[in-house]
N, C-alpha and C. Protein backbone atom coordinates (compact mmCIF):
# COMPACT_ATOMS: atom_id res chain seq x y z
N UNK A 1 0.87 -1.54 -0.09
CA UNK A 1 0.17 0.46 -0.04
C UNK A 1 0.96 1.07 0.17
N UNK A 2 0.57 2.42 -0.97
CA UNK A 2 1.34 3.53 -1.04
C UNK A 2 0.42 4.52 -0.64
N UNK A 3 0.76 5.37 0.38
CA UNK A 3 0.30 6.46 0.80
C UNK A 3 0.80 7.99 0.14
N UNK A 4 0.02 8.51 -0.27
CA UNK A 4 0.87 9.98 -0.97
C UNK A 4 0.20 11.08 0.31
N UNK A 5 1.27 11.87 0.59
CA UNK A 5 1.16 13.08 1.43
C UNK A 5 1.53 14.06 0.89
N UNK A 6 0.45 15.15 0.59
CA UNK A 6 1.05 16.22 -0.05
C UNK A 6 1.35 17.32 1.36
N UNK A 7 1.95 18.50 1.15
CA UNK A 7 2.08 19.43 2.14
C UNK A 7 1.04 20.45 2.06
N UNK A 8 0.94 20.87 3.07
CA UNK A 8 -0.11 22.14 3.58
C UNK A 8 1.10 23.06 3.08
N UNK A 9 0.30 24.01 2.15
CA UNK A 9 1.12 25.36 1.27
C UNK A 9 0.93 26.17 2.54
N UNK A 10 2.39 26.82 2.73
CA UNK A 10 2.76 27.99 3.51
C UNK A 10 1.81 28.94 3.17
N UNK A 11 0.81 29.48 3.80
CA UNK A 11 -0.18 30.31 3.57
C UNK A 11 0.37 31.77 3.71
N UNK A 12 1.45 32.60 4.32
CA UNK A 12 1.92 33.54 4.47
C UNK A 12 3.57 33.45 4.97
N UNK A 13 4.37 34.36 4.13
CA UNK A 13 5.73 34.38 4.91
C UNK A 13 5.83 35.62 5.33
N UNK A 14 7.02 35.72 6.17
CA UNK A 14 7.33 37.09 6.72
C UNK A 14 7.62 38.25 5.97
N UNK A 15 8.07 37.67 4.58
CA UNK A 15 8.23 38.86 3.53
C UNK A 15 6.63 39.47 3.19
N UNK A 16 5.82 38.26 2.97
CA UNK A 16 4.39 39.00 2.56
C UNK A 16 3.75 40.07 3.34
N UNK A 17 4.19 39.42 5.13
CA UNK A 17 3.75 40.54 5.82
C UNK A 17 4.48 41.77 5.93
N UNK A 18 5.58 41.68 5.49
CA UNK A 18 6.39 42.85 5.30
C UNK A 18 5.95 43.59 4.36
N UNK A 19 5.26 43.19 3.08
CA UNK A 19 5.41 44.24 1.99
C UNK A 19 4.05 44.62 2.26
N UNK A 20 2.96 43.93 2.82
CA UNK A 20 2.07 44.68 3.55
C UNK A 20 1.89 45.51 4.05
N UNK A 21 2.65 45.53 5.57
CA UNK A 21 2.58 46.46 6.18
C UNK A 21 3.96 47.67 5.69
N UNK A 22 4.66 47.59 4.83
CA UNK A 22 5.19 48.62 4.04
C UNK A 22 4.40 49.33 3.31
N UNK A 23 3.43 48.57 2.39
CA UNK A 23 2.32 49.08 1.71
C UNK A 23 1.13 49.94 2.38
N UNK A 24 0.92 49.59 3.54
CA UNK A 24 -0.21 50.29 4.52
C UNK A 24 0.83 51.67 5.13
N UNK A 25 2.07 51.52 5.56
CA UNK A 25 2.59 52.68 5.72
C UNK A 25 2.86 53.61 4.80
N UNK A 26 3.09 53.57 3.47
CA UNK A 26 3.21 54.31 2.39
C UNK A 26 1.63 54.53 2.30
N UNK A 27 0.94 54.01 2.09
CA UNK A 27 -0.21 54.55 1.60
C UNK A 27 -1.32 55.21 2.19
N UNK A 28 -1.12 55.02 3.70
CA UNK A 28 -2.37 55.83 4.45
C UNK A 28 -1.89 56.97 4.64
N UNK A 29 -0.95 57.55 4.89
CA UNK A 29 -0.71 58.96 5.01
C UNK A 29 -1.22 59.56 3.28
N UNK A 30 -0.94 59.09 2.23
CA UNK A 30 -1.41 59.50 1.23
C UNK A 30 -2.60 59.50 0.97
N UNK A 31 -3.97 58.55 1.18
CA UNK A 31 -4.81 58.17 1.10
C UNK A 31 -5.82 59.40 2.19
N UNK A 32 -4.89 59.54 3.58
CA UNK A 32 -5.11 60.42 4.37
C UNK A 32 -5.49 61.91 3.68
N UNK A 33 -4.10 61.94 3.08
CA UNK A 33 -4.04 63.56 2.58
C UNK A 33 -5.31 63.83 1.24
N UNK A 34 -5.36 62.74 0.84
CA UNK A 34 -6.87 62.76 -0.19
C UNK A 34 -7.75 62.99 0.49
N UNK A 35 -8.27 62.17 1.18
CA UNK A 35 -9.43 62.19 1.93
C UNK A 35 -10.24 63.23 2.99
N UNK A 36 -8.96 63.62 3.78
CA UNK A 36 -9.33 64.01 4.93
C UNK A 36 -9.73 65.63 4.63
N UNK A 37 -8.87 66.39 3.62
CA UNK A 37 -9.37 67.90 3.16
C UNK A 37 -10.64 67.87 2.64
N UNK A 38 -11.37 66.98 2.09
CA UNK A 38 -12.51 66.65 1.35
C UNK A 38 -13.69 66.26 2.51
N UNK A 39 -13.33 65.71 3.51
CA UNK A 39 -14.05 65.08 4.71
C UNK A 39 -14.25 66.55 5.36
N UNK A 40 -13.27 67.25 5.84
CA UNK A 40 -13.11 68.17 6.95
C UNK A 40 -13.55 69.65 6.16
N UNK A 41 -13.45 69.69 4.95
CA UNK A 41 -13.73 70.91 4.47
C UNK A 41 -12.20 71.66 4.09
N UNK A 42 -11.41 71.15 4.15
CA UNK A 42 -9.79 71.88 4.04
C UNK A 42 -9.44 72.17 2.72
N UNK A 43 -8.73 73.41 2.47
CA UNK A 43 -7.98 73.23 1.37
C UNK A 43 -6.48 73.01 1.53
N UNK A 44 -6.07 72.29 0.20
CA UNK A 44 -4.58 71.64 0.17
C UNK A 44 -3.96 72.49 -0.59
N UNK A 45 -2.31 72.56 0.09
CA UNK A 45 -1.52 73.54 -0.86
C UNK A 45 -0.05 72.75 -0.62
N UNK A 46 0.84 73.29 -0.97
CA UNK A 46 2.39 72.35 -0.96
C UNK A 46 3.37 73.59 -1.07
N UNK A 47 4.12 73.70 0.15
CA UNK A 47 4.88 75.08 0.44
C UNK A 47 5.84 74.96 -0.33
N UNK A 48 6.16 76.04 -1.51
CA UNK A 48 7.09 75.96 -2.45
C UNK A 48 8.39 76.74 -1.96
N UNK A 49 8.44 77.60 -1.06
CA UNK A 49 9.50 78.43 -0.45
C UNK A 49 10.08 77.84 0.95
N UNK A 50 10.99 78.29 1.15
CA UNK A 50 11.70 78.14 2.48
C UNK A 50 11.41 79.11 3.61
N UNK A 51 10.60 80.22 3.24
CA UNK A 51 10.50 81.30 4.22
C UNK A 51 10.11 80.74 6.04
N UNK A 52 9.00 79.88 5.32
CA UNK A 52 8.57 78.94 7.17
C UNK A 52 9.48 78.06 7.36
N UNK A 53 10.54 77.96 7.19
CA UNK A 53 11.53 76.58 7.55
C UNK A 53 10.93 76.32 9.17
N UNK A 54 10.81 77.00 10.14
CA UNK A 54 10.53 76.68 11.15
C UNK A 54 9.43 76.07 11.44
N UNK A 55 8.51 76.09 11.07
CA UNK A 55 6.98 75.52 10.99
C UNK A 55 6.69 74.84 9.99
N UNK A 56 6.69 75.60 8.57
CA UNK A 56 6.37 74.44 7.58
C UNK A 56 7.45 74.85 6.21
N UNK A 57 8.25 73.82 6.60
CA UNK A 57 9.37 73.62 5.53
C UNK A 57 8.86 73.00 4.03
N UNK A 58 9.97 73.65 3.18
CA UNK A 58 9.40 73.33 1.81
C UNK A 58 9.24 72.01 1.68
N UNK A 59 8.17 71.60 0.72
CA UNK A 59 7.72 70.57 0.62
C UNK A 59 6.68 70.10 1.43
N UNK A 60 6.26 70.66 2.20
CA UNK A 60 4.93 70.41 3.51
C UNK A 60 3.93 70.53 2.58
N UNK A 61 2.74 69.72 3.13
CA UNK A 61 1.74 69.51 2.76
C UNK A 61 1.12 70.30 4.02
N UNK A 62 0.15 71.61 3.06
CA UNK A 62 -0.62 72.25 4.15
C UNK A 62 -2.04 72.24 4.02
N UNK A 63 -2.64 72.19 4.95
CA UNK A 63 -4.26 71.81 5.19
C UNK A 63 -4.86 72.70 5.93
N UNK A 64 -5.55 73.48 4.98
CA UNK A 64 -5.82 75.14 5.96
C UNK A 64 -7.31 75.06 5.61
N UNK A 65 -7.72 75.93 6.45
CA UNK A 65 -9.51 76.14 6.58
C UNK A 65 -9.88 77.59 6.52
N UNK A 66 -10.56 78.22 5.90
CA UNK A 66 -11.24 79.14 5.63
C UNK A 66 -12.12 79.98 7.03
N UNK A 67 -11.39 81.09 7.66
CA UNK A 67 -11.94 81.47 8.95
C UNK A 67 -12.28 83.05 8.73
N UNK A 68 -13.07 83.32 9.21
CA UNK A 68 -13.46 84.75 9.36
C UNK A 68 -12.41 86.06 10.24
N UNK A 69 -12.12 86.85 9.79
CA UNK A 69 -10.96 87.64 10.22
C UNK A 69 -11.18 87.94 11.88
N UNK A 70 -12.48 87.86 12.45
CA UNK A 70 -12.33 87.85 13.88
C UNK A 70 -11.89 86.52 14.64
N UNK A 71 -11.76 85.60 13.82
CA UNK A 71 -11.08 84.35 14.32
C UNK A 71 -9.77 84.09 14.48
N UNK A 72 -8.93 85.35 13.91
CA UNK A 72 -7.32 84.87 13.57
C UNK A 72 -6.85 85.59 14.69
N UNK A 73 -5.75 84.90 15.33
CA UNK A 73 -5.09 85.24 16.27
C UNK A 73 -3.54 85.57 16.25
N UNK A 74 -2.88 86.22 16.98
CA UNK A 74 -1.30 86.43 17.28
C UNK A 74 -0.92 84.88 17.25
N UNK A 75 0.02 84.36 16.38
CA UNK A 75 0.74 83.11 16.23
C UNK A 75 0.31 82.17 15.05
N UNK A 76 -0.89 82.79 14.71
CA UNK A 76 -1.83 82.00 13.46
C UNK A 76 -0.98 81.93 12.38
N UNK A 77 -0.90 80.84 11.54
CA UNK A 77 -0.27 81.00 10.00
C UNK A 77 -1.36 81.24 8.99
N UNK A 78 -1.13 82.33 8.30
CA UNK A 78 -2.27 82.73 7.22
C UNK A 78 -1.48 82.31 5.82
N UNK A 79 -2.69 82.36 4.59
CA UNK A 79 -2.04 82.39 3.39
C UNK A 79 -2.37 84.23 3.07
N UNK A 80 -1.12 84.86 2.48
CA UNK A 80 -1.36 86.14 2.17
C UNK A 80 -0.85 86.22 0.94
N UNK A 81 -1.13 87.17 0.19
CA UNK A 81 -0.52 87.73 -1.21
C UNK A 81 0.78 88.30 -1.07
N UNK A 82 2.00 87.80 -1.54
CA UNK A 82 3.39 88.82 -1.21
C UNK A 82 2.98 89.97 -1.95
N UNK A 83 3.89 91.02 -1.22
CA UNK A 83 3.62 92.36 -1.41
C UNK A 83 4.25 92.81 -2.98
N UNK A 84 4.18 93.65 -3.44
CA UNK A 84 4.86 94.03 -4.83
C UNK A 84 4.03 93.61 -5.69
N UNK A 85 4.87 93.91 -7.05
CA UNK A 85 4.00 92.71 -8.41
C UNK A 85 4.88 91.29 -8.40
N UNK A 86 4.79 90.75 -7.05
CA UNK A 86 5.36 89.38 -7.49
C UNK A 86 4.06 88.34 -7.85
N UNK A 87 4.14 87.09 -8.05
CA UNK A 87 3.42 86.21 -8.60
C UNK A 87 1.95 86.67 -7.86
N UNK A 88 0.73 85.85 -8.48
CA UNK A 88 -0.19 85.88 -7.64
C UNK A 88 -0.36 84.71 -6.91
N UNK A 89 0.35 83.90 -6.84
CA UNK A 89 0.30 82.88 -5.70
C UNK A 89 0.24 83.29 -4.47
N UNK A 90 -0.36 82.71 -3.33
CA UNK A 90 -0.37 83.00 -1.75
C UNK A 90 0.94 82.38 -1.07
N UNK A 91 1.51 83.06 0.00
CA UNK A 91 2.45 82.53 0.66
C UNK A 91 1.92 82.40 1.93
N UNK A 92 2.58 81.41 2.50
CA UNK A 92 2.46 81.45 4.44
C UNK A 92 3.07 82.06 4.96
N UNK A 93 2.35 83.22 5.81
CA UNK A 93 3.21 84.10 6.89
C UNK A 93 2.28 83.97 8.24
N UNK A 94 3.30 84.27 9.37
CA UNK A 94 2.45 83.89 10.84
C UNK A 94 2.15 85.35 11.12
N UNK A 95 0.78 85.37 11.84
CA UNK A 95 0.64 86.80 12.59
C UNK A 95 1.16 86.91 13.63
N UNK A 96 2.17 88.32 13.59
CA UNK A 96 2.84 88.88 14.79
C UNK A 96 1.80 89.77 15.82
N UNK A 97 1.16 90.54 14.92
CA UNK A 97 0.26 91.35 15.35
C UNK A 97 -0.82 91.38 15.26
N UNK A 98 -1.93 91.89 15.65
CA UNK A 98 -3.04 92.26 15.04
C UNK A 98 -3.57 93.80 16.03
N UNK A 99 -4.00 94.81 15.24
CA UNK A 99 -4.06 96.16 15.37
C UNK A 99 -5.42 96.72 14.71
N UNK A 100 -6.39 97.11 15.07
CA UNK A 100 -7.24 97.73 14.68
C UNK A 100 -7.64 97.29 12.93
N UNK A 101 -8.23 95.96 13.08
CA UNK A 101 -8.39 95.19 11.88
C UNK A 101 -7.14 95.47 10.68
N UNK A 102 -6.03 95.42 10.87
CA UNK A 102 -4.72 95.30 10.44
C UNK A 102 -3.80 94.35 11.02
N UNK A 103 -3.19 93.08 10.15
CA UNK A 103 -2.60 92.08 10.61
C UNK A 103 -1.22 92.10 10.42
N UNK A 104 0.10 92.17 11.24
CA UNK A 104 1.14 92.46 10.74
C UNK A 104 1.85 90.90 11.03
N UNK A 105 2.02 90.60 9.76
CA UNK A 105 2.47 89.12 9.05
C UNK A 105 3.69 88.77 9.03
N UNK A 106 4.73 88.05 9.43
CA UNK A 106 6.40 88.22 8.83
C UNK A 106 6.71 86.43 8.74
N UNK A 107 7.52 86.20 7.88
CA UNK A 107 7.99 84.67 7.70
C UNK A 107 9.12 83.92 9.13
N UNK A 108 8.48 82.70 9.29
CA UNK A 108 9.35 82.75 10.34
C UNK A 108 11.29 82.58 10.22
N UNK A 109 11.89 82.99 8.94
CA UNK A 109 12.87 82.67 8.60
C UNK A 109 13.48 84.21 8.59
N UNK A 110 12.50 84.97 7.93
CA UNK A 110 12.93 86.56 7.54
C UNK A 110 13.07 87.53 8.61
N UNK A 111 12.22 87.36 9.61
CA UNK A 111 12.26 88.38 10.57
C UNK A 111 11.91 89.45 10.50
N UNK A 112 12.21 90.58 11.02
CA UNK A 112 11.51 92.04 10.68
C UNK A 112 11.34 92.24 9.42
N UNK A 113 12.65 91.89 8.75
CA UNK A 113 13.11 92.23 7.19
C UNK A 113 11.73 91.83 6.16
N UNK A 114 10.85 90.59 7.08
CA UNK A 114 10.00 90.22 5.92
C UNK A 114 8.72 90.73 6.36
N UNK A 115 8.18 91.58 7.24
CA UNK A 115 7.54 91.74 7.56
C UNK A 115 6.48 92.44 6.57
N UNK A 116 4.65 92.48 6.77
CA UNK A 116 4.09 92.93 5.85
C UNK A 116 2.90 93.31 6.67
N UNK A 117 2.40 94.31 6.26
CA UNK A 117 0.78 94.62 6.81
C UNK A 117 -0.38 94.14 6.11
N UNK A 118 -1.42 93.41 6.58
CA UNK A 118 -2.48 92.90 5.72
C UNK A 118 -3.72 93.78 6.51
N UNK A 119 -4.41 94.39 5.42
CA UNK A 119 -5.77 94.96 5.94
C UNK A 119 -6.97 93.69 6.06
N UNK A 120 -7.03 93.40 7.24
CA UNK A 120 -8.12 92.44 7.24
C UNK A 120 -9.64 92.39 6.69
N UNK A 121 -9.58 92.96 5.42
CA UNK A 121 -11.13 93.04 4.89
C UNK A 121 -11.78 92.71 4.28
N UNK A 122 -11.21 91.08 3.88
CA UNK A 122 -11.91 89.91 3.15
C UNK A 122 -12.95 89.33 4.30
N UNK A 123 -13.45 88.61 3.84
CA UNK A 123 -14.55 87.97 4.36
C UNK A 123 -14.06 86.86 5.15
N UNK A 124 -12.90 85.74 4.68
CA UNK A 124 -12.34 85.06 5.16
C UNK A 124 -10.81 84.61 4.79
N UNK A 125 -10.07 84.22 5.70
CA UNK A 125 -8.82 84.15 5.29
C UNK A 125 -8.18 82.56 5.58
N UNK A 126 -7.63 82.12 4.62
CA UNK A 126 -6.94 80.54 4.84
C UNK A 126 -5.92 80.62 5.53
N UNK A 127 -6.59 80.18 6.93
CA UNK A 127 -5.70 79.72 8.11
C UNK A 127 -5.22 78.11 8.33
N UNK A 128 -3.60 77.99 8.74
CA UNK A 128 -3.31 76.58 8.20
C UNK A 128 -3.70 76.04 9.51
N UNK A 129 -4.47 74.71 9.22
CA UNK A 129 -4.70 74.04 10.15
C UNK A 129 -3.83 72.73 10.99
N UNK A 130 -3.11 72.29 9.85
CA UNK A 130 -1.94 71.30 9.86
C UNK A 130 -1.09 71.02 8.83
N UNK A 131 0.17 70.99 8.79
CA UNK A 131 1.41 71.02 8.10
C UNK A 131 1.96 69.77 8.21
N UNK A 132 2.10 68.92 7.04
CA UNK A 132 2.76 67.66 6.89
C UNK A 132 3.94 67.75 6.28
N UNK A 133 5.21 67.53 6.68
CA UNK A 133 6.48 67.65 6.25
C UNK A 133 6.84 66.64 4.97
N UNK A 134 7.55 67.15 3.95
CA UNK A 134 8.18 66.24 3.07
C UNK A 134 7.55 65.44 1.90
N UNK A 135 5.96 65.24 2.39
CA UNK A 135 5.06 64.10 1.36
C UNK A 135 5.25 65.07 0.37
N UNK A 136 4.95 66.57 -0.03
CA UNK A 136 4.81 67.27 -1.34
C UNK A 136 6.08 67.54 -1.95
N UNK A 137 7.23 67.23 -1.46
CA UNK A 137 8.51 67.61 -1.71
C UNK A 137 8.70 68.12 -3.28
N UNK A 138 8.13 66.30 -3.74
CA UNK A 138 8.54 66.17 -5.36
C UNK A 138 7.81 67.33 -6.28
N UNK A 139 6.69 68.10 -5.61
CA UNK A 139 5.83 68.95 -6.53
C UNK A 139 6.46 70.44 -6.07
N UNK A 140 7.21 70.39 -4.81
CA UNK A 140 8.00 71.45 -4.93
C UNK A 140 9.17 71.92 -5.51
N UNK A 141 9.78 71.35 -6.05
CA UNK A 141 10.98 71.31 -6.52
C UNK A 141 10.59 71.43 -8.25
N UNK A 142 11.88 72.01 -9.10
CA UNK A 142 11.58 71.95 -10.39
C UNK A 142 11.90 70.65 -10.74
N UNK A 143 10.99 70.30 -11.67
CA UNK A 143 10.90 68.76 -12.66
C UNK A 143 10.42 68.00 -11.75
N UNK A 144 9.44 68.42 -10.26
CA UNK A 144 8.91 67.52 -9.28
C UNK A 144 8.28 66.11 -10.04
N UNK A 145 7.64 66.55 -10.75
CA UNK A 145 6.87 65.51 -11.70
C UNK A 145 7.75 64.10 -12.12
N UNK A 146 8.86 64.24 -12.63
CA UNK A 146 10.03 63.57 -12.98
C UNK A 146 10.63 62.64 -11.81
N UNK A 147 10.75 63.48 -11.04
CA UNK A 147 11.47 62.94 -9.39
C UNK A 147 10.32 61.83 -8.97
N UNK A 148 9.02 62.16 -9.16
CA UNK A 148 8.28 61.50 -8.52
C UNK A 148 7.95 59.93 -9.42
N UNK A 149 8.01 60.25 -10.66
CA UNK A 149 7.96 59.21 -11.58
C UNK A 149 9.10 58.25 -11.67
N UNK A 150 10.19 58.59 -11.22
CA UNK A 150 11.28 57.87 -11.39
C UNK A 150 11.35 57.34 -9.49
N UNK A 151 10.88 57.63 -8.80
CA UNK A 151 10.63 57.00 -7.44
C UNK A 151 9.14 56.19 -7.58
N UNK A 152 8.51 56.05 -8.38
CA UNK A 152 7.29 55.58 -8.63
C UNK A 152 7.82 54.02 -9.37
N UNK A 153 8.68 54.77 -10.33
CA UNK A 153 9.43 53.25 -10.91
C UNK A 153 10.22 52.62 -10.47
N UNK A 154 11.08 52.85 -9.26
CA UNK A 154 11.98 52.51 -8.53
C UNK A 154 11.21 51.88 -7.66
N UNK A 155 10.49 51.96 -7.38
CA UNK A 155 9.37 51.33 -6.26
C UNK A 155 9.06 49.96 -6.76
N UNK A 156 8.21 50.53 -7.89
CA UNK A 156 8.01 49.33 -8.54
C UNK A 156 8.83 48.22 -9.35
N UNK A 157 10.04 48.72 -9.64
CA UNK A 157 11.14 47.44 -9.87
C UNK A 157 11.69 46.86 -8.68
N UNK A 158 11.79 47.39 -7.25
CA UNK A 158 11.89 46.71 -6.43
C UNK A 158 10.77 45.55 -5.79
N UNK A 159 9.80 45.93 -5.91
CA UNK A 159 8.65 45.30 -5.49
C UNK A 159 8.70 44.11 -6.30
N UNK A 160 8.36 44.24 -7.71
CA UNK A 160 8.46 43.06 -8.74
C UNK A 160 9.85 41.84 -8.21
N UNK A 161 10.99 42.49 -8.38
CA UNK A 161 12.13 41.84 -7.71
C UNK A 161 11.94 41.30 -6.25
N UNK A 162 11.02 41.47 -5.27
CA UNK A 162 10.90 41.04 -4.10
C UNK A 162 10.05 40.09 -4.43
N UNK A 163 8.94 40.03 -5.25
CA UNK A 163 7.83 39.07 -5.52
C UNK A 163 8.55 38.21 -6.17
N UNK A 164 9.42 38.24 -7.09
CA UNK A 164 9.85 37.05 -8.10
C UNK A 164 11.14 36.17 -7.07
N UNK A 165 11.90 36.68 -6.06
CA UNK A 165 12.37 36.23 -5.20
C UNK A 165 11.98 35.09 -4.14
N UNK A 166 10.86 35.85 -3.99
CA UNK A 166 9.89 34.83 -2.87
C UNK A 166 9.00 34.22 -3.73
N UNK A 167 8.64 34.29 -4.88
CA UNK A 167 7.97 32.93 -5.49
C UNK A 167 9.08 32.20 -5.89
N UNK A 168 10.34 32.20 -6.00
CA UNK A 168 11.64 31.45 -6.45
C UNK A 168 11.86 30.26 -5.64
N UNK A 169 11.42 30.88 -4.17
CA UNK A 169 11.74 29.96 -2.82
C UNK A 169 10.84 28.86 -2.96
N UNK A 170 11.35 27.34 -2.78
CA UNK A 170 10.20 26.26 -2.71
C UNK A 170 9.71 26.30 -1.56
N UNK A 171 8.35 26.13 -1.37
CA UNK A 171 7.58 25.98 -0.18
C UNK A 171 7.98 24.60 0.45
N UNK A 172 8.40 23.68 -0.14
CA UNK A 172 8.43 22.20 0.17
C UNK A 172 8.28 21.01 -0.83
N UNK A 173 8.36 19.78 -0.54
CA UNK A 173 8.79 18.91 -1.40
C UNK A 173 7.28 18.90 -2.10
N UNK A 174 6.81 18.69 -3.61
CA UNK A 174 5.53 18.69 -3.70
C UNK A 174 4.94 17.37 -3.50
N UNK A 175 5.13 16.24 -3.46
CA UNK A 175 4.51 14.90 -2.88
C UNK A 175 5.77 13.93 -2.09
N UNK A 176 5.13 13.59 -1.23
CA UNK A 176 6.04 12.87 -0.63
C UNK A 176 5.64 11.16 -0.63
N UNK A 177 6.18 10.29 -1.16
CA UNK A 177 5.70 8.55 -1.44
C UNK A 177 6.34 8.37 0.05
N UNK A 178 5.44 7.24 0.75
CA UNK A 178 5.41 6.44 1.78
C UNK A 178 5.01 4.94 1.15
N UNK A 179 5.97 4.09 1.66
CA UNK A 179 5.71 2.43 1.50
C UNK A 179 5.23 2.07 2.88
N UNK A 180 3.90 1.72 2.76
CA UNK A 180 3.91 0.88 4.23
C UNK A 180 3.64 -0.46 4.04
N UNK A 181 4.54 -1.35 4.52
CA UNK A 181 4.95 -2.10 4.28
C UNK A 181 4.54 -3.93 5.14
């Protein structure tokens, strides 16, 4: 009489759990940065300059909420238009004083030389609610899309190589024949 014993397949390896954990660690912040602003009614911008390096470094993703001028306090970081004939994009600045409907703002890095007076006459101002460092860095540098595509391609190649390596490992013998005599 001959019995055939088939091994129980190994359902999960440490490598598979590590890949799952790595995927969750990478994807969870990305998904939150996409869904959180929509759910909470926040605006999402990327810091492209280094003037707020004390609090919001270059490449930080900033989540901001529109608030009325009466809700603004000293220490809040708001989005303002730069003085002069500069670009129409807004920059983030910290409020250092509020007096009679005029806010004095400055960058964390520039000090008194970067001070600007902003008349609080609009119905709402974009106040920073949360800043997440480094996530937006590929978009803050010149050619950021290229950096992002190269990083995604490298991650894909590494994932494929890890998948091939774990697939090449034998799980065990296909079948073992025992003779019972």
